[in-house]
Amino acid sequence: MNITLYEKMVDGELQKISDRPWDEQLISALNVANFLLVNGKEYEMIEGRLNLDLNVFEILLVTVHSEGGVNRP
């Protein structure tokens, strides 16, 4: 299955940061993970949507700052 990751920016806009196939092990890890590292940047997963029209699972993320805070719009 393809997974598309979107970062929710402070102004509310969505920015696509990754679009790649995931195997069953990675998808099952979503059940226990709250955070993702992508290109060296940490994100918190805030919601997911199964898009059957495009056959893709979309995950909405917000940036986690180095101080431990989350960038919630």
N, C-alpha and C. Protein backbone atom coordinates (compact mmCIF):
# COMPACT_ATOMS: atom_id res chain seq x y z
N MET A 1 0.85 -1.17 0.00
CA MET A 1 0.00 0.00 0.00
C MET A 1 0.89 1.24 0.00
N ASN A 2 0.45 2.26 -0.69
CA ASN A 2 1.18 3.52 -0.67
C ASN A 2 0.72 4.37 0.51
N ILE A 3 1.68 5.03 1.13
CA ILE A 3 1.43 5.93 2.24
C ILE A 3 1.89 7.32 1.82
N THR A 4 1.03 8.32 2.02
CA THR A 4 1.40 9.69 1.75
C THR A 4 1.38 10.44 3.07
N LEU A 5 2.49 11.12 3.36
CA LEU A 5 2.61 11.89 4.59
C LEU A 5 2.46 13.37 4.27
N TYR A 6 1.58 14.04 5.03
CA TYR A 6 1.36 15.47 4.88
C TYR A 6 1.71 16.17 6.19
N GLU A 7 2.44 17.27 6.09
CA GLU A 7 2.71 18.10 7.26
C GLU A 7 1.70 19.23 7.29
N LYS A 8 1.05 19.40 8.43
CA LYS A 8 0.13 20.53 8.61
C LYS A 8 0.96 21.71 9.09
N MET A 9 1.00 22.75 8.27
CA MET A 9 1.79 23.92 8.57
C MET A 9 1.05 24.82 9.57
N VAL A 10 1.73 25.78 10.16
CA VAL A 10 1.15 26.68 11.15
C VAL A 10 -0.04 27.43 10.58
N ASP A 11 0.02 27.79 9.29
CA ASP A 11 -1.07 28.54 8.67
C ASP A 11 -2.23 27.64 8.22
N GLY A 12 -2.13 26.33 8.50
CA GLY A 12 -3.20 25.39 8.16
C GLY A 12 -3.03 24.70 6.81
N GLU A 13 -2.09 25.16 6.02
CA GLU A 13 -1.84 24.53 4.72
C GLU A 13 -1.23 23.14 4.92
N LEU A 14 -1.45 22.25 3.95
CA LEU A 14 -0.86 20.91 3.98
C LEU A 14 0.27 20.84 2.98
N GLN A 15 1.39 20.28 3.40
CA GLN A 15 2.55 20.12 2.53
C GLN A 15 2.90 18.64 2.46
N LYS A 16 2.89 18.08 1.24
CA LYS A 16 3.26 16.68 1.08
C LYS A 16 4.75 16.53 1.31
N ILE A 17 5.13 15.61 2.22
CA ILE A 17 6.55 15.43 2.52
C ILE A 17 7.07 14.06 2.10
N SER A 18 6.16 13.11 1.84
CA SER A 18 6.62 11.79 1.44
C SER A 18 5.47 11.02 0.80
N ASP A 19 5.81 10.25 -0.20
CA ASP A 19 4.85 9.38 -0.87
C ASP A 19 5.62 8.12 -1.27
N ARG A 20 5.36 7.03 -0.55
CA ARG A 20 6.15 5.82 -0.78
C ARG A 20 5.35 4.58 -0.41
N PRO A 21 5.71 3.45 -0.98
CA PRO A 21 5.04 2.20 -0.60
C PRO A 21 5.52 1.73 0.77
N TRP A 22 4.59 1.18 1.56
CA TRP A 22 4.91 0.60 2.85
C TRP A 22 4.49 -0.85 2.83
N ASP A 23 5.26 -1.69 3.54
CA ASP A 23 4.88 -3.09 3.63
C ASP A 23 3.98 -3.30 4.86
N GLU A 24 3.52 -4.52 5.05
CA GLU A 24 2.59 -4.81 6.16
C GLU A 24 3.21 -4.55 7.52
N GLN A 25 4.51 -4.78 7.68
CA GLN A 25 5.17 -4.55 8.97
C GLN A 25 5.15 -3.08 9.34
N LEU A 26 5.45 -2.20 8.38
CA LEU A 26 5.42 -0.77 8.68
C LEU A 26 4.01 -0.30 8.98
N ILE A 27 3.05 -0.79 8.22
CA ILE A 27 1.66 -0.38 8.45
C ILE A 27 1.19 -0.85 9.82
N SER A 28 1.54 -2.06 10.22
CA SER A 28 1.12 -2.54 11.54
C SER A 28 1.81 -1.77 12.65
N ALA A 29 2.99 -1.22 12.40
CA ALA A 29 3.69 -0.42 13.41
C ALA A 29 2.95 0.88 13.72
N LEU A 30 2.07 1.31 12.82
CA LEU A 30 1.28 2.52 13.06
C LEU A 30 0.38 2.35 14.29
N ASN A 31 0.06 1.12 14.66
CA ASN A 31 -0.79 0.86 15.82
C ASN A 31 -0.13 1.25 17.14
N VAL A 32 1.19 1.28 17.17
CA VAL A 32 1.89 1.56 18.42
C VAL A 32 2.75 2.81 18.36
N ALA A 33 2.95 3.37 17.17
CA ALA A 33 3.80 4.56 17.03
C ALA A 33 2.96 5.83 17.09
N ASN A 34 3.49 6.85 17.71
CA ASN A 34 2.87 8.17 17.73
C ASN A 34 3.69 9.19 16.96
N PHE A 35 4.96 8.87 16.74
CA PHE A 35 5.89 9.80 16.11
C PHE A 35 6.61 9.12 14.95
N LEU A 36 6.99 9.92 13.95
CA LEU A 36 7.74 9.44 12.79
C LEU A 36 8.96 10.31 12.58
N LEU A 37 10.03 9.72 12.10
CA LEU A 37 11.20 10.47 11.65
C LEU A 37 11.24 10.36 10.13
N VAL A 38 11.27 11.51 9.46
CA VAL A 38 11.33 11.54 8.00
C VAL A 38 12.40 12.56 7.61
N ASN A 39 13.40 12.11 6.88
CA ASN A 39 14.50 12.99 6.46
C ASN A 39 15.13 13.73 7.63
N GLY A 40 15.27 13.04 8.76
CA GLY A 40 15.92 13.61 9.94
C GLY A 40 15.05 14.55 10.75
N LYS A 41 13.78 14.70 10.40
CA LYS A 41 12.87 15.60 11.11
C LYS A 41 11.80 14.77 11.81
N GLU A 42 11.48 15.13 13.07
CA GLU A 42 10.51 14.37 13.83
C GLU A 42 9.11 14.99 13.72
N TYR A 43 8.12 14.11 13.54
CA TYR A 43 6.72 14.52 13.41
C TYR A 43 5.86 13.70 14.35
N GLU A 44 4.76 14.31 14.78
CA GLU A 44 3.73 13.58 15.52
C GLU A 44 2.59 13.29 14.55
N MET A 45 2.10 12.04 14.58
CA MET A 45 0.96 11.68 13.75
C MET A 45 -0.31 12.13 14.46
N ILE A 46 -1.15 12.91 13.76
CA ILE A 46 -2.37 13.38 14.42
C ILE A 46 -3.63 12.76 13.86
N GLU A 47 -3.62 12.29 12.62
CA GLU A 47 -4.76 11.53 12.11
C GLU A 47 -4.40 10.88 10.78
N GLY A 48 -5.20 9.89 10.42
CA GLY A 48 -4.99 9.19 9.17
C GLY A 48 -6.29 9.07 8.40
N ARG A 49 -6.15 8.93 7.09
CA ARG A 49 -7.33 8.79 6.24
C ARG A 49 -7.02 7.77 5.15
N LEU A 50 -7.92 6.82 4.98
CA LEU A 50 -7.78 5.84 3.92
C LEU A 50 -8.50 6.38 2.69
N ASN A 51 -7.74 6.71 1.66
CA ASN A 51 -8.29 7.29 0.44
C ASN A 51 -8.46 6.16 -0.58
N LEU A 52 -9.66 5.62 -0.67
CA LEU A 52 -9.91 4.51 -1.57
C LEU A 52 -9.93 4.93 -3.04
N ASP A 53 -10.22 6.20 -3.31
CA ASP A 53 -10.20 6.69 -4.69
C ASP A 53 -8.80 6.61 -5.29
N LEU A 54 -7.78 6.89 -4.46
CA LEU A 54 -6.39 6.86 -4.92
C LEU A 54 -5.62 5.63 -4.44
N ASN A 55 -6.29 4.77 -3.66
CA ASN A 55 -5.65 3.58 -3.09
C ASN A 55 -4.39 3.96 -2.29
N VAL A 56 -4.58 4.91 -1.38
CA VAL A 56 -3.46 5.40 -0.57
C VAL A 56 -3.95 5.69 0.85
N PHE A 57 -3.07 5.47 1.81
CA PHE A 57 -3.34 5.83 3.20
C PHE A 57 -2.62 7.14 3.46
N GLU A 58 -3.34 8.17 3.84
CA GLU A 58 -2.77 9.50 4.06
C GLU A 58 -2.66 9.75 5.56
N ILE A 59 -1.50 10.24 5.99
CA ILE A 59 -1.25 10.50 7.40
C ILE A 59 -0.93 11.98 7.57
N LEU A 60 -1.63 12.62 8.49
CA LEU A 60 -1.42 14.03 8.78
C LEU A 60 -0.45 14.15 9.96
N LEU A 61 0.58 14.97 9.79
CA LEU A 61 1.65 15.12 10.77
C LEU A 61 1.82 16.57 11.17
N VAL A 62 2.34 16.79 12.37
CA VAL A 62 2.79 18.11 12.80
C VAL A 62 4.23 17.96 13.28
N THR A 63 4.99 19.03 13.12
CA THR A 63 6.41 19.05 13.48
C THR A 63 6.58 19.00 15.00
N VAL A 64 7.56 18.23 15.45
CA VAL A 64 7.95 18.21 16.85
C VAL A 64 9.23 19.03 16.95
N HIS A 65 9.22 20.04 17.80
CA HIS A 65 10.41 20.90 17.96
C HIS A 65 11.43 20.22 18.84
N SER A 66 12.69 20.63 18.70
CA SER A 66 13.78 20.02 19.47
C SER A 66 13.58 20.22 20.97
N GLU A 67 12.81 21.21 21.38
CA GLU A 67 12.54 21.43 22.80
C GLU A 67 11.48 20.47 23.32
N GLY A 68 10.90 19.65 22.42
CA GLY A 68 9.90 18.69 22.84
C GLY A 68 8.47 19.14 22.56
N GLY A 69 8.29 20.38 22.13
CA GLY A 69 6.95 20.87 21.85
C GLY A 69 6.50 20.48 20.47
N VAL A 70 5.20 20.53 20.25
CA VAL A 70 4.62 20.18 18.97
C VAL A 70 4.09 21.45 18.33
N ASN A 71 4.29 21.58 17.04
CA ASN A 71 3.83 22.73 16.28
C ASN A 71 2.39 22.51 15.86
N ARG A 72 1.46 22.80 16.75
CA ARG A 72 0.04 22.62 16.43
C ARG A 72 -0.55 23.94 15.98
N PRO A 73 -1.13 23.91 14.77
CA PRO A 73 -1.76 25.13 14.25
C PRO A 73 -2.97 25.53 15.06
